[in-house]
């Protein structure tokens, strides 16, 4: 079968031909119908956290074609998505709906987070391939009305759900979303209706792209485009001036999906007393805010990665009963043989990709 692979001592991804994996007694073999692409998994810096060589891709949906002898929860022909979180299942985190914090936490098709990730060593290969093998407990059946493309991106949407939960929003909240035109930002806009949000401020580079995504929600939404603040906006503090003008009493939360750059954290100065910033952008920049400022303003800074099973279950429930519709978020579809081209376009931001998927 064809698979998108990362190799040791190489920064380049390869499209390789490898054997179809054979399921063990507790495994399910899935013929991949759709696999999501997300910028983070293609970052060469993260290769040191991967078991190499490996097949990438943690956002996966498809049809079950084979099951192990001990599998009772899935059957051949089932339409499913993969819940990519690997964890021990027995620690205090796993038993309290926080499995992404497990000491053995890893993400199938992506990377390990702990020093010992035994399940990842077995199930590191992901879904940017024609087939993927996963343990049966990581398989969720898709509602009949949910497409494979949306099923593949449930993980992304559930990540957005996790950031919204972490913000601890109260009725009438005003929030800022940074980097709002990608998968996480657009998913957050679709989920806003389920949270006590009365106003949204989008902060990003392009006014044109943000104007397009602003229509994804019925919550009143305003736009602050960095391209319109002048080249010296980091020095002049133009961003915080605009935000304070829009919300003189301060915003209640910032959902920060920005993957790089410290200048965007200028937005924190627009937080109200007791406000919260939730970061899930993977930004390696040093945090520029003095701790004493955080103390005196009673700000909460929350870092979170990934989602939990309760998040994905709720998304599947809302999709199944029609309260949530996500098909319009799938803006770009590519064939497996064109994955490397798709990745380059995603990283270069040369296409207005909200969510992109690969079809093997």
Protein backbone atom coordinates (compact mmCIF):
# COMPACT_ATOMS: atom_id res chain seq x y z
CA UNK A 1 0.00 0.00 0.00
CA UNK A 2 1.01 3.65 -0.37
CA UNK A 3 1.84 5.62 2.78
CA UNK A 4 3.27 9.05 3.65
CA UNK A 5 6.33 8.33 5.77
CA UNK A 6 8.87 10.20 7.86
CA UNK A 7 12.37 8.72 8.12
CA UNK A 8 15.32 9.17 10.45
CA UNK A 9 18.06 11.56 9.31
CA UNK A 10 15.79 13.18 6.74
CA UNK A 11 13.69 16.33 6.82
CA UNK A 12 11.75 15.27 3.74
CA UNK A 13 8.60 13.17 3.78
CA UNK A 14 8.35 10.28 1.35
CA UNK A 15 5.53 8.45 -0.38
CA UNK A 16 6.51 4.82 0.18
CA UNK A 17 5.08 1.44 -0.74
CA UNK A 18 4.85 -0.72 2.39
CA UNK A 19 2.96 -3.89 3.39
CA UNK A 20 -0.65 -3.68 4.54
CA UNK A 21 -0.54 -4.09 8.35
CA UNK A 22 -1.88 -7.33 9.78
CA UNK A 23 -4.28 -6.88 12.73
CA UNK A 24 -3.49 -8.62 16.01
CA UNK A 25 -6.16 -10.20 18.24
CA UNK A 26 -7.21 -6.84 19.73
CA UNK A 27 -6.87 -4.79 16.55
CA UNK A 28 -9.05 -3.38 13.81
CA UNK A 29 -7.85 -2.88 10.23
CA UNK A 30 -9.43 0.11 8.51
CA UNK A 31 -9.46 0.95 4.82
CA UNK A 32 -8.87 4.68 4.98
CA UNK A 33 -11.48 6.84 3.26
CA UNK A 34 -10.29 10.23 4.50
CA UNK A 35 -7.32 11.52 6.49
CA UNK A 36 -6.95 15.05 7.76
CA UNK A 37 -3.85 17.16 7.32
CA UNK A 38 -2.73 19.51 10.10
CA UNK A 39 0.41 21.70 10.05
CA UNK A 40 1.88 20.45 13.33
CA UNK A 41 2.46 16.84 12.35
CA UNK A 42 4.67 17.85 9.42
CA UNK A 43 7.06 19.92 11.54
CA UNK A 44 10.58 18.43 11.12
CA UNK A 45 11.49 19.61 14.65
CA UNK A 46 9.10 17.02 16.07
CA UNK A 47 10.79 14.07 14.35
CA UNK A 48 12.86 13.42 17.48
CA UNK A 49 9.63 12.59 19.31
CA UNK A 50 8.55 10.06 16.69
CA UNK A 51 9.24 6.36 16.24
CA UNK A 52 10.93 6.34 12.84
CA UNK A 53 10.29 5.38 10.14
CA UNK A 54 6.60 6.05 10.64
CA UNK A 55 3.43 6.74 8.71
CA UNK A 56 1.97 10.13 9.58
CA UNK A 57 -1.67 11.08 10.04
CA UNK A 58 -3.76 11.13 13.22
CA UNK A 59 -7.09 12.31 11.78
CA UNK A 60 -8.59 9.23 10.17
CA UNK A 61 -11.90 7.75 9.07
CA UNK A 62 -12.81 4.76 6.94
CA UNK A 63 -14.38 1.33 6.79
CA UNK A 64 -13.45 -1.68 8.91
CA UNK A 65 -12.18 -4.48 6.66
CA UNK A 66 -10.79 -6.90 9.25
CA UNK A 67 -10.93 -7.42 13.02
CA UNK A 68 -8.86 -9.47 15.45
CA UNK A 69 -10.25 -12.59 17.06
CA UNK A 70 -10.86 -10.91 20.43
CA UNK A 71 -12.62 -7.82 19.06
CA UNK A 72 -16.31 -7.55 19.98
CA UNK A 73 -16.91 -3.81 19.58
CA UNK A 74 -16.36 -3.45 15.83
CA UNK A 75 -17.35 -5.44 12.77
CA UNK A 76 -16.37 -5.61 9.12
CA UNK A 77 -18.25 -2.93 7.21
CA UNK A 78 -18.53 -0.44 10.09
CA UNK A 79 -18.02 3.22 9.16
CA UNK A 80 -15.63 4.56 11.80
CA UNK A 81 -13.28 7.30 12.91
CA UNK A 82 -10.07 6.77 14.87
CA UNK A 83 -9.63 8.35 18.30
CA UNK A 84 -5.89 8.87 18.03
CA UNK A 85 -5.04 9.35 21.73
CA UNK A 86 -2.86 6.54 23.06
CA UNK A 87 -2.62 6.22 26.85
CA UNK A 88 -2.30 3.64 29.63
CA UNK A 89 -6.08 3.64 30.38
CA UNK A 90 -5.51 3.11 34.13
CA UNK A 91 -3.83 6.19 35.67
CA UNK A 92 -5.53 9.08 37.48
CA UNK A 93 -5.61 11.07 34.26
CA UNK A 94 -7.05 8.31 32.11
CA UNK A 95 -9.71 7.57 34.72
CA UNK A 96 -10.81 11.22 34.96
CA UNK A 97 -11.27 12.18 31.30
CA UNK A 98 -7.77 13.66 30.98
CA UNK A 99 -6.04 10.92 29.02
CA UNK A 100 -3.96 13.42 27.04
CA UNK A 101 -2.05 14.09 30.29
CA UNK A 102 -1.15 10.43 30.86
CA UNK A 103 2.57 9.76 31.42
CA UNK A 104 2.37 7.34 28.48
CA UNK A 105 0.40 9.74 26.28
CA UNK A 106 1.00 9.71 22.55
CA UNK A 107 -0.93 10.35 19.38
CA UNK A 108 -1.13 7.66 16.72
CA UNK A 109 0.32 8.95 13.48
CA UNK A 110 2.03 11.84 15.22
CA UNK A 111 4.31 11.60 18.27
CA UNK A 112 4.84 10.50 21.85
CA UNK A 113 4.77 12.93 24.77
CA UNK A 114 6.15 10.89 27.68
CA UNK A 115 9.47 9.12 28.25
CA UNK A 116 7.81 5.71 27.96
CA UNK A 117 5.09 5.30 25.35
CA UNK A 118 4.65 1.54 24.91
CA UNK A 119 1.41 1.72 22.94
CA UNK A 120 2.91 4.26 20.57
CA UNK A 121 5.80 1.92 19.87
CA UNK A 122 3.24 -0.59 18.57
CA UNK A 123 0.71 1.79 17.04
CA UNK A 124 2.79 4.72 15.79
CA UNK A 125 1.76 4.33 12.15
CA UNK A 126 -1.07 6.67 11.19
CA UNK A 127 -3.66 7.11 8.53
CA UNK A 128 -2.01 8.94 5.63
CA UNK A 129 -2.05 5.59 3.90
CA UNK A 130 -4.45 3.20 2.25
CA UNK A 131 -4.92 1.18 5.45
CA UNK A 132 -4.32 1.71 9.16
CA UNK A 133 -4.25 -0.72 12.09
CA UNK A 134 -5.53 0.49 15.46
CA UNK A 135 -6.52 -1.09 18.80
CA UNK A 136 -10.26 -1.69 18.92
CA UNK A 137 -10.88 0.75 21.79
CA UNK A 138 -9.78 3.65 19.60
CA UNK A 139 -12.56 3.13 17.06
CA UNK A 140 -15.77 5.19 17.11
CA UNK A 141 -18.69 4.43 14.82
CA UNK A 142 -19.78 7.35 12.67
CA UNK A 143 -23.43 8.42 12.58
CA UNK A 144 -24.99 7.62 9.20
CA UNK A 145 -25.37 11.31 8.36
CA UNK A 146 -21.68 12.12 8.96
CA UNK A 147 -19.33 12.01 5.97
CA UNK A 148 -15.92 10.38 6.10
CA UNK A 149 -14.31 13.79 5.58
CA UNK A 150 -16.05 15.28 8.61
CA UNK A 151 -15.39 12.09 10.55
CA UNK A 152 -11.67 12.46 9.92
CA UNK A 153 -11.70 16.04 11.25
CA UNK A 154 -13.65 15.29 14.45
CA UNK A 155 -10.30 15.29 16.27
CA UNK A 156 -9.64 18.90 15.25
CA UNK A 157 -13.13 20.00 16.22
CA UNK A 158 -12.84 18.25 19.58
CA UNK A 159 -9.56 20.08 20.18
CA UNK A 160 -11.46 23.33 19.73
CA UNK A 161 -14.08 22.04 22.16
CA UNK A 162 -11.32 21.44 24.73
CA UNK A 163 -10.02 25.02 24.46
CA UNK A 164 -13.53 26.41 24.92
CA UNK A 165 -14.03 24.25 28.00
CA UNK A 166 -10.69 25.35 29.43
CA UNK A 167 -11.72 29.01 29.12
CA UNK A 168 -14.43 28.55 31.80
CA UNK A 169 -16.69 31.06 30.08
CA UNK A 170 -19.52 32.80 31.91
CA UNK A 171 -22.76 34.06 30.30
CA UNK A 172 -22.21 37.07 28.06
CA UNK A 173 -18.50 36.43 27.48
CA UNK A 174 -16.42 38.26 24.90
CA UNK A 175 -13.58 36.21 23.44
CA UNK A 176 -10.64 36.75 21.10
CA UNK A 177 -9.62 34.01 18.67
CA UNK A 178 -6.12 34.30 17.19
CA UNK A 179 -5.18 32.56 13.93
CA UNK A 180 -8.89 32.05 13.27
CA UNK A 181 -8.78 30.97 9.63
CA UNK A 182 -7.34 27.47 10.08
CA UNK A 183 -8.90 24.26 11.30
CA UNK A 184 -8.95 25.12 14.99
CA UNK A 185 -10.23 28.65 14.49
CA UNK A 186 -13.02 27.70 12.11
CA UNK A 187 -14.07 24.82 14.36
CA UNK A 188 -14.22 27.22 17.33
CA UNK A 189 -16.52 29.51 15.38
CA UNK A 190 -18.87 26.62 14.61
CA UNK A 191 -18.89 25.58 18.28
CA UNK A 192 -19.47 29.08 19.67
CA UNK A 193 -23.24 28.54 19.60
CA UNK A 194 -22.93 25.90 22.32
CA UNK A 195 -21.10 28.19 24.77
CA UNK A 196 -22.15 31.39 26.62
CA UNK A 197 -20.42 33.70 24.15
CA UNK A 198 -22.02 37.01 23.19
CA UNK A 199 -19.20 38.51 21.12
CA UNK A 200 -16.14 37.32 19.20
CA UNK A 201 -13.09 39.29 18.03
CA UNK A 202 -10.94 37.63 15.38
CA UNK A 203 -7.23 38.52 15.26
CA UNK A 204 -5.20 37.39 12.28
CA UNK A 205 -3.21 38.52 9.28
CA UNK A 206 -5.71 38.77 6.44
CA UNK A 207 -8.89 40.81 6.53
CA UNK A 208 -10.22 38.98 3.47
CA UNK A 209 -9.75 35.51 4.95
CA UNK A 210 -11.18 36.50 8.33
CA UNK A 211 -14.22 38.08 6.68
CA UNK A 212 -14.93 34.72 5.06
CA UNK A 213 -14.74 32.73 8.30
CA UNK A 214 -16.74 35.28 10.29
CA UNK A 215 -19.84 33.98 8.50
CA UNK A 216 -19.42 30.58 10.15
CA UNK A 217 -21.11 31.75 13.35
CA UNK A 218 -24.25 33.68 14.27
CA UNK A 219 -22.46 35.21 17.27
CA UNK A 220 -21.65 38.90 16.60
CA UNK A 221 -18.08 38.94 15.29
CA UNK A 222 -15.53 41.69 14.64
CA UNK A 223 -12.21 41.54 12.84
CA UNK A 224 -8.77 42.95 13.64
CA UNK A 225 -6.41 42.40 10.70
CA UNK A 226 -2.71 42.72 11.46
CA UNK A 227 -2.05 43.71 7.84
CA UNK A 228 -4.04 46.89 8.46
CA UNK A 229 -2.17 47.97 11.61
CA UNK A 230 1.02 49.05 9.85
CA UNK A 231 4.36 47.27 9.64
CA UNK A 232 5.46 48.62 13.02
CA UNK A 233 2.41 47.43 14.98
CA UNK A 234 4.52 45.32 17.37
CA UNK A 235 6.48 48.43 18.40
CA UNK A 236 3.57 50.87 18.53
CA UNK A 237 1.33 48.40 20.41
CA UNK A 238 -1.32 49.07 17.78
CA UNK A 239 -2.97 45.71 18.35
CA UNK A 240 -3.74 46.23 22.02
CA UNK A 241 -4.91 49.79 21.32
CA UNK A 242 -7.46 48.52 18.82
CA UNK A 243 -8.58 45.71 21.11
CA UNK A 244 -9.03 48.05 24.08
CA UNK A 245 -11.05 50.38 21.88
CA UNK A 246 -13.30 47.51 20.82
CA UNK A 247 -13.66 46.19 24.37
CA UNK A 248 -12.82 48.89 26.95
CA UNK A 249 -13.73 46.63 29.88
CA UNK A 250 -11.52 43.86 28.56
CA UNK A 251 -12.23 40.50 27.00
CA UNK A 252 -13.00 37.43 29.07
CA UNK A 253 -10.82 34.95 27.22
CA UNK A 254 -8.28 34.59 24.43
CA UNK A 255 -8.17 31.32 22.52
CA UNK A 256 -4.68 31.40 21.07
CA UNK A 257 -3.99 29.16 18.09
CA UNK A 258 -1.01 31.14 16.77
CA UNK A 259 1.81 28.68 15.94
CA UNK A 260 4.71 31.15 16.14
CA UNK A 261 5.74 34.67 17.11
CA UNK A 262 5.63 36.50 20.45
CA UNK A 263 4.16 39.76 19.13
CA UNK A 264 0.62 38.37 19.07
CA UNK A 265 0.69 38.03 22.87
CA UNK A 266 0.35 41.78 22.94
CA UNK A 267 -3.35 40.88 22.85
CA UNK A 268 -3.11 39.72 26.47
CA UNK A 269 -3.11 43.33 27.59
CA UNK A 270 -6.73 43.43 26.44
CA UNK A 271 -7.78 40.75 28.95
CA UNK A 272 -10.22 41.76 31.67
CA UNK A 273 -9.34 41.15 35.32
CA UNK A 274 -9.72 37.44 35.92
CA UNK A 275 -9.53 36.72 32.20
CA UNK A 276 -8.12 33.53 30.72
CA UNK A 277 -5.79 32.78 27.83
CA UNK A 278 -5.90 29.23 26.50
CA UNK A 279 -3.02 28.26 24.21
CA UNK A 280 -3.16 25.37 21.77
CA UNK A 281 -1.04 26.77 18.98
CA UNK A 282 2.24 25.00 19.66
CA UNK A 283 4.09 28.33 19.72
CA UNK A 284 7.79 27.89 20.67
CA UNK A 285 8.33 31.61 21.41
CA UNK A 286 9.21 32.74 24.92
CA UNK A 287 6.28 34.16 26.86
CA UNK A 288 6.85 37.94 27.16
CA UNK A 289 4.49 38.90 30.01
CA UNK A 290 5.98 39.60 33.49
CA UNK A 291 4.63 37.24 36.12
CA UNK A 292 3.71 40.15 38.40
CA UNK A 293 1.29 41.41 35.74
CA UNK A 294 -0.38 38.02 35.65
CA UNK A 295 -0.68 38.11 39.44
CA UNK A 296 -2.09 41.61 39.76
CA UNK A 297 -4.64 41.06 36.99
CA UNK A 298 -5.62 37.62 38.32
CA UNK A 299 -5.18 36.21 34.83
CA UNK A 300 -5.32 32.48 34.15
CA UNK A 301 -2.93 30.99 31.62
CA UNK A 302 -3.94 27.53 30.45
CA UNK A 303 -1.97 25.29 28.16
CA UNK A 304 -3.76 22.32 26.69
CA UNK A 305 -3.00 19.76 24.04
CA UNK A 306 -5.40 17.54 22.21
CA UNK A 307 -8.84 16.47 23.28
CA UNK A 308 -10.46 13.75 25.37
CA UNK A 309 -12.98 11.05 24.61
CA UNK A 310 -15.78 13.09 26.17
CA UNK A 311 -14.99 15.90 23.72
CA UNK A 312 -15.15 13.66 20.66
CA UNK A 313 -18.25 11.87 21.96
CA UNK A 314 -20.08 15.18 22.33
CA UNK A 315 -19.06 16.29 18.84
CA UNK A 316 -20.32 13.00 17.38
CA UNK A 317 -23.58 13.41 19.31
CA UNK A 318 -24.14 16.93 17.97
CA UNK A 319 -23.26 15.82 14.44
CA UNK A 320 -25.57 12.84 14.68
CA UNK A 321 -28.62 14.79 15.82
CA UNK A 322 -27.99 17.61 13.36
CA UNK A 323 -27.26 20.37 15.85
CA UNK A 324 -23.74 20.72 14.44
CA UNK A 325 -22.92 20.74 10.73
CA UNK A 326 -19.32 20.88 9.59
CA UNK A 327 -19.24 19.93 5.90
CA UNK A 328 -18.58 23.53 4.82
CA UNK A 329 -15.30 23.50 6.76
CA UNK A 330 -13.79 20.91 4.40
CA UNK A 331 -12.48 23.34 1.79
CA UNK A 332 -9.74 21.29 0.12
CA UNK A 333 -9.40 17.63 -0.85
CA UNK A 334 -6.30 15.95 -2.25
CA UNK A 335 -5.36 12.48 -3.45
CA UNK A 336 -2.83 10.49 -1.44
CA UNK A 337 -0.25 10.74 -4.22
CA UNK A 338 -0.47 14.54 -3.95
CA UNK A 339 -0.01 14.72 -0.17
CA UNK A 340 3.44 16.30 -0.31
CA UNK A 341 2.12 19.08 -2.55
CA UNK A 342 -0.84 19.57 -0.21
CA UNK A 343 1.49 19.83 2.79
CA UNK A 344 3.63 22.48 1.10
CA UNK A 345 0.54 24.55 0.29
CA UNK A 346 -0.76 24.18 3.84
CA UNK A 347 2.52 25.29 5.38
CA UNK A 348 2.97 28.18 2.93
CA UNK A 349 -0.62 29.34 3.46
CA UNK A 350 -0.86 29.74 -0.32
CA UNK A 351 -4.42 28.41 -0.29
CA UNK A 352 -7.27 29.52 2.00
CA UNK A 353 -7.49 26.08 3.60
CA UNK A 354 -9.88 25.86 6.53
CA UNK A 355 -9.69 22.09 6.77
CA UNK A 356 -7.96 19.81 4.27
CA UNK A 357 -8.24 16.06 3.80
CA UNK A 358 -6.48 13.35 1.85
CA UNK A 359 -8.34 10.64 -0.08
CA UNK A 360 -6.28 7.44 -0.58
